[in-house]
């Protein structure tokens, strides 16, 4: 097992040799038993992975991501209204935003339907199970022969049946809508209409959509929570963003995607949030397809290779004073976002997250609306623990309190602005 923990080494090994690290190691519990080899994130390099990846990329590329702007803006507006109604549950509102957007994008289904809450709850439960199985060091991964012991993995089989049933229910629902002419735009509709082109079985389509829905909702929710935490803990950085918002957007309207290129301070704030508290701390394991020689070291064929996001984010050569939250590190002397500084928030090489463009746009519109709408502060009676995260494949912030004060006028005025925002979509 090889852990890559510095920025330049990650570029040289994980990116430049990305073709040789496109494989995944064997995952007995999560890959073979729970997913039956159908999850793209765990698929080994080869023909199946290429088919799944091509289908996902076609619907989630940068150009396609632009078309989801109305969905993201409406759901981000809902976050503001939900915080006005119930500020104590701001983390729940972030989760609902992420699930709502990816539910609509993946299945063409609104989160306001009667059964959506049940499905979102099931997806989150399945995500927790999957992440638990992906933790390094599980006994089943060290001794795969245990999977042949009768009843030893019966709980995994039960989890698999529940997961498969949910994924196929969603696929079948879109198929029925397609047959009757009532299917709106969605990833699953695209898969069904182009099944012959991508050569995907119904099992592969069900799991491709379901696993993308799960992964997309989880990481985006974490990113929004970190935005709130960073704003509350670092008021000076928050104030710089809000000064820019006031100058560019003003107070007569709320920000939209059209403002993005004119708001480098927000983009820098986002980038620093993703570096400061990366959603995936250790990263997802890769497997070397051949020997890789790097600076007189040999990473042997078959080795498991991690690009350790947390360690890379703390590389002082690239990110001076790495534990300090400093969005200015992302801006050049002209005040624009630097193009020579990167952080691998979405993974490496051919295994980079296919939903990165949608995720980036979700983080931007939530950052813009939240910081335009509210002054976010700590609750003096409940200080935020910046290190309060639940360990796992995805590092979730533990519950924390924050105060949300409307920046313009009173709460009623902000509600009216949000109503106008929705009317313009």
Protein backbone atom coordinates (compact mmCIF):
# COMPACT_ATOMS: atom_id res chain seq x y z
CA UNK A 1 0.00 0.00 0.00
CA UNK A 2 1.41 3.38 -1.05
CA UNK A 3 0.19 6.68 0.40
CA UNK A 4 0.89 9.79 -1.70
CA UNK A 5 0.82 12.78 0.62
CA UNK A 6 2.45 15.70 -1.20
CA UNK A 7 1.12 17.88 -3.99
CA UNK A 8 3.90 17.46 -6.56
CA UNK A 9 4.09 13.72 -6.00
CA UNK A 10 0.32 13.51 -6.53
CA UNK A 11 0.66 15.38 -9.83
CA UNK A 12 3.59 13.23 -10.99
CA UNK A 13 2.14 9.89 -9.90
CA UNK A 14 -1.65 10.19 -9.72
CA UNK A 15 -2.10 12.49 -12.74
CA UNK A 16 0.82 11.95 -15.13
CA UNK A 17 0.68 8.19 -14.58
CA UNK A 18 -3.10 8.20 -14.34
CA UNK A 19 -3.49 5.59 -17.07
CA UNK A 20 -1.47 3.12 -15.00
CA UNK A 21 -3.55 3.90 -11.91
CA UNK A 22 -6.98 3.64 -13.52
CA UNK A 23 -7.64 0.32 -11.81
CA UNK A 24 -9.28 -0.32 -8.45
CA UNK A 25 -8.20 -2.90 -5.87
CA UNK A 26 -10.47 -5.77 -5.01
CA UNK A 27 -13.35 -4.73 -2.69
CA UNK A 28 -14.94 -7.90 -1.36
CA UNK A 29 -17.70 -6.47 0.84
CA UNK A 30 -18.62 -3.25 -0.98
CA UNK A 31 -17.77 -4.36 -4.52
CA UNK A 32 -18.40 -8.08 -4.86
CA UNK A 33 -21.18 -8.74 -2.33
CA UNK A 34 -23.03 -5.44 -1.90
CA UNK A 35 -22.72 -4.16 -5.48
CA UNK A 36 -22.16 -7.37 -7.48
CA UNK A 37 -19.48 -5.58 -9.49
CA UNK A 38 -21.91 -2.93 -10.76
CA UNK A 39 -20.70 0.26 -8.99
CA UNK A 40 -18.66 2.46 -11.31
CA UNK A 41 -16.56 3.87 -8.47
CA UNK A 42 -15.27 0.34 -7.72
CA UNK A 43 -15.25 -1.08 -11.24
CA UNK A 44 -11.82 -2.43 -12.29
CA UNK A 45 -10.14 -0.89 -15.32
CA UNK A 46 -11.45 -2.45 -18.47
CA UNK A 47 -14.30 -2.56 -20.94
CA UNK A 48 -17.14 -2.27 -18.41
CA UNK A 49 -15.57 0.75 -16.70
CA UNK A 50 -15.09 2.49 -20.05
CA UNK A 51 -18.76 1.97 -20.96
CA UNK A 52 -20.00 3.27 -17.61
CA UNK A 53 -17.62 6.21 -17.65
CA UNK A 54 -18.56 7.24 -21.19
CA UNK A 55 -22.28 7.18 -20.38
CA UNK A 56 -21.78 9.25 -17.22
CA UNK A 57 -19.47 11.78 -18.88
CA UNK A 58 -21.92 12.45 -21.72
CA UNK A 59 -24.62 13.60 -19.32
CA UNK A 60 -22.47 15.28 -16.65
CA UNK A 61 -19.85 17.16 -18.69
CA UNK A 62 -19.29 20.91 -18.33
CA UNK A 63 -21.68 21.86 -21.14
CA UNK A 64 -24.47 19.63 -19.82
CA UNK A 65 -23.98 21.01 -16.30
CA UNK A 66 -25.01 24.48 -17.50
CA UNK A 67 -28.48 23.20 -18.31
CA UNK A 68 -29.15 22.32 -14.67
CA UNK A 69 -28.90 25.96 -13.50
CA UNK A 70 -32.67 26.44 -12.88
CA UNK A 71 -32.81 23.28 -10.73
CA UNK A 72 -29.81 24.36 -8.67
CA UNK A 73 -31.01 27.94 -8.25
CA UNK A 74 -34.49 26.88 -7.14
CA UNK A 75 -33.09 24.41 -4.60
CA UNK A 76 -30.52 26.95 -3.33
CA UNK A 77 -33.34 29.46 -2.88
CA UNK A 78 -35.15 26.80 -0.82
CA UNK A 79 -32.10 26.56 1.47
CA UNK A 80 -32.42 30.27 2.30
CA UNK A 81 -36.14 29.95 3.05
CA UNK A 82 -35.58 26.79 5.09
CA UNK A 83 -32.92 28.54 7.18
CA UNK A 84 -35.32 31.42 7.83
CA UNK A 85 -37.91 28.88 8.97
CA UNK A 86 -35.54 26.66 10.96
CA UNK A 87 -31.95 27.92 11.36
CA UNK A 88 -31.01 25.24 13.89
CA UNK A 89 -31.26 22.54 11.22
CA UNK A 90 -29.03 24.21 8.62
CA UNK A 91 -27.10 20.97 8.09
CA UNK A 92 -30.33 19.13 7.29
CA UNK A 93 -31.19 21.85 4.76
CA UNK A 94 -27.79 21.34 3.06
CA UNK A 95 -28.47 17.61 2.79
CA UNK A 96 -31.91 18.25 1.35
CA UNK A 97 -30.50 20.67 -1.23
CA UNK A 98 -27.96 18.14 -2.45
CA UNK A 99 -30.46 15.30 -2.58
CA UNK A 100 -33.08 17.44 -4.33
CA UNK A 101 -30.75 18.50 -7.13
CA UNK A 102 -29.27 15.10 -7.83
CA UNK A 103 -32.73 13.45 -7.60
CA UNK A 104 -34.00 15.79 -10.31
CA UNK A 105 -30.89 15.47 -12.48
CA UNK A 106 -30.69 11.69 -12.17
CA UNK A 107 -34.35 10.68 -12.20
CA UNK A 108 -36.23 13.81 -13.28
CA UNK A 109 -38.06 13.68 -9.99
CA UNK A 110 -38.79 16.58 -7.66
CA UNK A 111 -38.03 16.25 -3.96
CA UNK A 112 -41.49 17.61 -3.22
CA UNK A 113 -43.21 14.38 -4.25
CA UNK A 114 -44.79 12.31 -1.50
CA UNK A 115 -42.33 9.41 -1.68
CA UNK A 116 -39.15 11.43 -2.24
CA UNK A 117 -38.39 11.79 1.48
CA UNK A 118 -38.50 8.01 1.88
CA UNK A 119 -36.16 7.52 -1.05
CA UNK A 120 -33.73 10.19 0.14
CA UNK A 121 -33.69 8.61 3.61
CA UNK A 122 -33.01 5.18 2.09
CA UNK A 123 -30.21 6.54 -0.07
CA UNK A 124 -28.52 8.12 2.94
CA UNK A 125 -28.84 4.88 4.89
CA UNK A 126 -27.26 2.96 2.01
CA UNK A 127 -24.47 5.51 1.74
CA UNK A 128 -23.63 5.03 5.41
CA UNK A 129 -23.45 1.29 4.87
CA UNK A 130 -21.27 1.62 1.76
CA UNK A 131 -18.84 3.97 3.47
CA UNK A 132 -18.55 1.69 6.49
CA UNK A 133 -17.64 -1.20 4.19
CA UNK A 134 -15.03 0.93 2.40
CA UNK A 135 -12.99 1.68 5.52
CA UNK A 136 -9.48 0.21 5.16
CA UNK A 137 -8.63 -2.75 7.37
CA UNK A 138 -11.94 -4.64 7.36
CA UNK A 139 -11.43 -8.32 8.18
CA UNK A 140 -13.36 -9.48 5.09
CA UNK A 141 -10.88 -7.64 2.84
CA UNK A 142 -7.92 -9.33 4.53
CA UNK A 143 -9.54 -12.78 4.49
CA UNK A 144 -11.88 -12.95 1.45
CA UNK A 145 -12.45 -16.66 2.05
CA UNK A 146 -14.80 -15.64 4.87
CA UNK A 147 -17.45 -14.70 2.31
CA UNK A 148 -17.97 -18.42 1.61
CA UNK A 149 -18.86 -19.22 5.25
CA UNK A 150 -22.63 -19.79 5.44
CA UNK A 151 -24.53 -16.81 6.88
CA UNK A 152 -21.32 -14.85 7.60
CA UNK A 153 -22.28 -12.20 5.04
CA UNK A 154 -26.08 -12.59 5.27
CA UNK A 155 -26.45 -8.94 6.39
CA UNK A 156 -24.60 -7.84 3.25
CA UNK A 157 -26.94 -9.88 1.08
CA UNK A 158 -29.92 -8.21 2.75
CA UNK A 159 -28.40 -4.78 2.18
CA UNK A 160 -27.81 -5.67 -1.47
CA UNK A 161 -31.45 -6.66 -1.97
CA UNK A 162 -32.68 -3.38 -0.46
CA UNK A 163 -30.29 -1.31 -2.55
CA UNK A 164 -31.03 -3.16 -5.78
CA UNK A 165 -34.77 -2.87 -5.23
CA UNK A 166 -34.58 0.92 -4.77
CA UNK A 167 -32.35 1.44 -7.81
CA UNK A 168 -34.57 -0.72 -10.02
CA UNK A 169 -37.75 0.98 -8.76
CA UNK A 170 -36.40 4.31 -9.97
CA UNK A 171 -35.29 2.89 -13.31
CA UNK A 172 -38.66 1.22 -13.86
CA UNK A 173 -40.55 4.40 -12.95
CA UNK A 174 -38.67 6.42 -15.58
CA UNK A 175 -39.19 3.59 -18.08
CA UNK A 176 -42.95 3.70 -17.47
CA UNK A 177 -42.97 7.49 -17.90
CA UNK A 178 -40.99 7.11 -21.11
CA UNK A 179 -43.47 4.57 -22.44
CA UNK A 180 -46.38 6.91 -21.80
CA UNK A 181 -44.62 10.04 -23.05
CA UNK A 182 -44.49 11.67 -19.62
CA UNK A 183 -40.76 11.46 -18.87
CA UNK A 184 -38.96 14.74 -18.34
CA UNK A 185 -35.22 15.24 -18.90
CA UNK A 186 -33.02 13.09 -16.66
CA UNK A 187 -29.89 10.93 -16.70
CA UNK A 188 -31.94 7.73 -16.54
CA UNK A 189 -34.12 8.86 -19.45
CA UNK A 190 -30.93 9.47 -21.43
CA UNK A 191 -29.59 6.00 -20.52
CA UNK A 192 -32.81 4.27 -21.56
CA UNK A 193 -32.96 6.14 -24.86
CA UNK A 194 -29.29 5.37 -25.64
CA UNK A 195 -29.07 1.87 -24.20
CA UNK A 196 -27.88 0.34 -27.46
CA UNK A 197 -25.26 3.05 -27.98
CA UNK A 198 -23.69 2.57 -24.55
CA UNK A 199 -24.30 -1.19 -24.43
CA UNK A 200 -25.46 -1.14 -20.81
CA UNK A 201 -27.64 -3.81 -19.22
CA UNK A 202 -30.61 -2.82 -17.04
CA UNK A 203 -28.57 -3.84 -13.99
CA UNK A 204 -25.71 -1.59 -15.05
CA UNK A 205 -28.04 1.34 -15.75
CA UNK A 206 -29.82 0.95 -12.41
CA UNK A 207 -26.57 0.90 -10.44
CA UNK A 208 -24.86 3.61 -12.48
CA UNK A 209 -27.72 6.03 -11.79
CA UNK A 210 -28.22 4.95 -8.19
CA UNK A 211 -24.58 5.13 -7.17
CA UNK A 212 -24.10 8.52 -8.86
CA UNK A 213 -27.18 9.81 -7.03
CA UNK A 214 -25.77 8.63 -3.70
CA UNK A 215 -22.24 9.93 -4.15
CA UNK A 216 -23.35 13.25 -5.61
CA UNK A 217 -25.75 14.09 -2.81
CA UNK A 218 -23.33 13.23 -0.02
CA UNK A 219 -20.23 15.19 -1.05
CA UNK A 220 -22.17 18.30 -2.10
CA UNK A 221 -23.98 18.43 1.24
CA UNK A 222 -20.67 18.24 3.10
CA UNK A 223 -19.22 21.07 0.99
CA UNK A 224 -22.17 23.35 1.84
CA UNK A 225 -21.83 22.57 5.55
CA UNK A 226 -18.12 23.43 5.42
CA UNK A 227 -18.99 26.75 3.72
CA UNK A 228 -21.23 27.66 6.67
CA UNK A 229 -18.61 26.54 9.18
CA UNK A 230 -15.84 28.54 7.47
CA UNK A 231 -17.97 31.68 7.22
CA UNK A 232 -18.91 31.53 10.91
CA UNK A 233 -15.36 30.85 12.05
CA UNK A 234 -13.65 33.37 9.76
CA UNK A 235 -15.68 36.60 9.71
CA UNK A 236 -12.99 38.67 7.94
CA UNK A 237 -12.93 36.26 4.97
CA UNK A 238 -16.74 36.30 4.94
CA UNK A 239 -16.77 40.12 4.96
CA UNK A 240 -14.49 40.29 1.89
CA UNK A 241 -16.89 38.07 -0.05
CA UNK A 242 -19.87 40.14 1.03
CA UNK A 243 -18.17 43.39 0.04
CA UNK A 244 -17.65 41.96 -3.44
CA UNK A 245 -21.27 40.77 -3.60
CA UNK A 246 -22.49 44.23 -2.66
CA UNK A 247 -20.33 45.86 -5.33
CA UNK A 248 -21.14 43.40 -8.14
CA UNK A 249 -24.70 42.27 -7.38
CA UNK A 250 -26.03 45.01 -5.15
CA UNK A 251 -29.06 44.78 -2.89
CA UNK A 252 -31.91 44.92 -5.39
CA UNK A 253 -31.52 41.34 -6.57
CA UNK A 254 -29.89 38.06 -5.51
CA UNK A 255 -26.84 36.58 -7.30
CA UNK A 256 -27.16 34.09 -10.16
CA UNK A 257 -24.79 32.01 -12.26
CA UNK A 258 -24.44 34.99 -14.62
CA UNK A 259 -22.45 36.73 -11.88
CA UNK A 260 -19.96 33.89 -11.36
CA UNK A 261 -17.14 35.23 -13.53
CA UNK A 262 -17.38 38.61 -11.74
CA UNK A 263 -17.08 37.12 -8.24
CA UNK A 264 -13.49 35.86 -7.80
CA UNK A 265 -13.67 36.31 -4.01
CA UNK A 266 -16.48 33.74 -3.79
CA UNK A 267 -14.62 31.34 -6.04
CA UNK A 268 -11.50 31.71 -3.86
CA UNK A 269 -13.62 31.16 -0.73
CA UNK A 270 -15.05 27.96 -2.26
CA UNK A 271 -11.63 26.66 -3.28
CA UNK A 272 -10.22 27.32 0.17
CA UNK A 273 -13.16 25.54 1.82
CA UNK A 274 -12.55 22.43 -0.29
CA UNK A 275 -8.83 22.49 0.56
CA UNK A 276 -9.25 23.44 4.23
CA UNK A 277 -11.68 20.60 5.00
CA UNK A 278 -11.67 18.14 2.05
CA UNK A 279 -14.77 15.97 1.81
CA UNK A 280 -12.74 12.83 1.16
CA UNK A 281 -9.75 12.83 3.49
CA UNK A 282 -7.90 9.66 2.47
CA UNK A 283 -9.36 9.37 -1.03
CA UNK A 284 -10.53 6.28 -2.91
CA UNK A 285 -7.84 3.60 -3.51
CA UNK A 286 -6.28 3.04 -6.94
CA UNK A 287 -4.40 -0.05 -8.10
CA UNK A 288 -1.21 0.01 -10.18
CA UNK A 289 -1.61 -1.84 -13.49
CA UNK A 290 2.18 -1.88 -14.05
CA UNK A 291 5.33 -0.92 -12.17
CA UNK A 292 5.60 2.86 -11.76
CA UNK A 293 9.05 4.32 -11.13
CA UNK A 294 9.15 7.65 -9.30
CA UNK A 295 12.38 9.24 -8.00
CA UNK A 296 14.16 5.90 -7.60
CA UNK A 297 11.15 4.33 -5.92
CA UNK A 298 9.19 1.54 -7.57
CA UNK A 299 5.47 1.35 -7.00
CA UNK A 300 5.01 -2.31 -7.96
CA UNK A 301 2.29 -3.68 -10.17
CA UNK A 302 -0.74 -4.52 -8.05
CA UNK A 303 0.07 -2.03 -5.29
CA UNK A 304 -2.82 -0.12 -3.71
CA UNK A 305 -2.21 3.62 -4.09
CA UNK A 306 -4.01 6.36 -2.15
CA UNK A 307 -3.83 10.05 -3.00
CA UNK A 308 -4.24 11.34 0.56
CA UNK A 309 -6.33 14.50 0.15
CA UNK A 310 -5.83 15.64 3.74
CA UNK A 311 -2.03 15.33 3.59
CA UNK A 312 -1.87 16.99 0.16
CA UNK A 313 -3.99 19.87 1.46
CA UNK A 314 -1.40 20.39 4.22
CA UNK A 315 1.62 20.53 1.88
CA UNK A 316 3.37 23.72 3.06
CA UNK A 317 5.36 24.04 -0.17
CA UNK A 318 2.18 24.63 -2.18
CA UNK A 319 -0.13 25.93 0.55
CA UNK A 320 1.93 28.06 3.00
CA UNK A 321 0.50 28.05 6.54
CA UNK A 322 -1.80 25.22 5.48
CA UNK A 323 -3.87 25.11 8.67
CA UNK A 324 -4.84 28.77 8.21
CA UNK A 325 -8.09 29.46 6.34
CA UNK A 326 -6.93 31.97 3.74
CA UNK A 327 -8.93 32.35 0.50
CA UNK A 328 -6.45 34.97 -0.71
CA UNK A 329 -3.98 32.20 -1.55
CA UNK A 330 -6.17 31.42 -4.58
CA UNK A 331 -6.03 34.95 -6.05
CA UNK A 332 -3.28 36.51 -8.17
CA UNK A 333 -1.99 40.08 -7.98
CA UNK A 334 -4.89 41.22 -10.21
CA UNK A 335 -7.47 39.77 -7.83
CA UNK A 336 -8.44 36.95 -10.21
CA UNK A 337 -8.47 33.22 -9.47
CA UNK A 338 -5.05 31.70 -10.10
CA UNK A 339 -4.77 29.12 -12.86
CA UNK A 340 -1.47 27.75 -11.52
CA UNK A 341 -2.84 26.46 -8.21
CA UNK A 342 -5.06 23.39 -7.93
CA UNK A 343 -6.36 20.97 -5.34
CA UNK A 344 -7.62 17.46 -6.25
CA UNK A 345 -11.04 17.80 -4.61
CA UNK A 346 -12.64 15.39 -7.09
CA UNK A 347 -9.94 12.75 -7.37
CA UNK A 348 -7.27 11.92 -9.89
CA UNK A 349 -6.71 10.94 -13.51
CA UNK A 350 -9.28 8.75 -15.21
CA UNK A 351 -11.02 8.18 -11.88
CA UNK A 352 -11.92 11.83 -11.35
CA UNK A 353 -15.53 12.35 -10.26
CA UNK A 354 -17.79 12.63 -13.34
CA UNK A 355 -20.15 14.96 -11.47
CA UNK A 356 -17.50 17.56 -10.62
CA UNK A 357 -18.99 20.28 -12.86
CA UNK A 358 -22.45 20.00 -11.31
CA UNK A 359 -20.91 19.89 -7.82
CA UNK A 360 -18.83 23.03 -8.40
CA UNK A 361 -21.86 24.92 -9.64
CA UNK A 362 -23.90 23.77 -6.64
CA UNK A 363 -21.22 24.96 -4.23
CA UNK A 364 -21.00 28.33 -6.00
CA UNK A 365 -24.73 29.13 -6.05
CA UNK A 366 -25.13 28.13 -2.40
CA UNK A 367 -22.11 30.18 -1.34
CA UNK A 368 -23.36 33.18 -3.30
CA UNK A 369 -26.93 33.05 -1.97
CA UNK A 370 -25.98 32.23 1.63
CA UNK A 371 -23.39 34.98 1.95
CA UNK A 372 -25.55 37.50 0.06
CA UNK A 373 -28.52 36.75 2.32
CA UNK A 374 -26.96 36.30 5.76
CA UNK A 375 -24.23 37.38 8.07
CA UNK A 376 -23.22 34.00 9.48
CA UNK A 377 -21.72 33.95 12.98
CA UNK A 378 -20.88 31.52 15.75
CA UNK A 379 -23.24 31.03 18.64
CA UNK A 380 -21.18 32.22 21.64
CA UNK A 381 -22.86 29.62 23.82
CA UNK A 382 -21.88 26.79 21.45
CA UNK A 383 -18.46 27.39 19.83
CA UNK A 384 -17.79 25.49 16.61
CA UNK A 385 -15.20 22.72 16.70
CA UNK A 386 -13.32 23.10 13.40
CA UNK A 387 -12.01 19.55 13.81
CA UNK A 388 -15.41 18.10 14.63
CA UNK A 389 -15.83 15.64 11.76
CA UNK A 390 -17.05 12.05 11.64
CA UNK A 391 -14.29 9.83 10.28
CA UNK A 392 -15.10 7.90 7.13
CA UNK A 393 -14.67 7.80 3.35
CA UNK A 394 -16.64 11.08 3.34
CA UNK A 395 -15.77 13.30 6.33
CA UNK A 396 -19.10 14.69 7.62
CA UNK A 397 -19.11 17.67 9.99
CA UNK A 398 -20.56 16.82 13.37
CA UNK A 399 -23.63 18.89 14.35
CA UNK A 400 -22.67 22.52 14.97
CA UNK A 401 -24.59 25.71 15.70
CA UNK A 402 -24.51 28.89 13.62
CA UNK A 403 -26.48 32.13 13.65
CA UNK A 404 -27.98 33.57 10.45
CA UNK A 405 -28.75 37.29 10.44
CA UNK A 406 -30.45 38.72 7.30
CA UNK A 407 -28.09 41.30 5.80
CA UNK A 408 -30.66 43.53 4.11
CA UNK A 409 -33.71 44.74 5.96
CA UNK A 410 -35.68 42.22 7.96
CA UNK A 411 -36.65 38.59 7.51
CA UNK A 412 -39.84 39.49 5.63
CA UNK A 413 -37.89 41.47 3.05
CA UNK A 414 -35.50 38.57 2.46
CA UNK A 415 -38.47 36.24 1.97
CA UNK A 416 -39.94 38.60 -0.63
CA UNK A 417 -36.60 38.70 -2.45
CA UNK A 418 -36.48 34.91 -2.50
CA UNK A 419 -40.03 34.80 -3.90
CA UNK A 420 -38.98 37.08 -6.75
CA UNK A 421 -35.88 34.91 -7.27
CA UNK A 422 -38.09 31.86 -7.74
CA UNK A 423 -40.43 33.72 -10.08
CA UNK A 424 -37.51 34.52 -12.39
CA UNK A 425 -36.50 30.89 -12.89
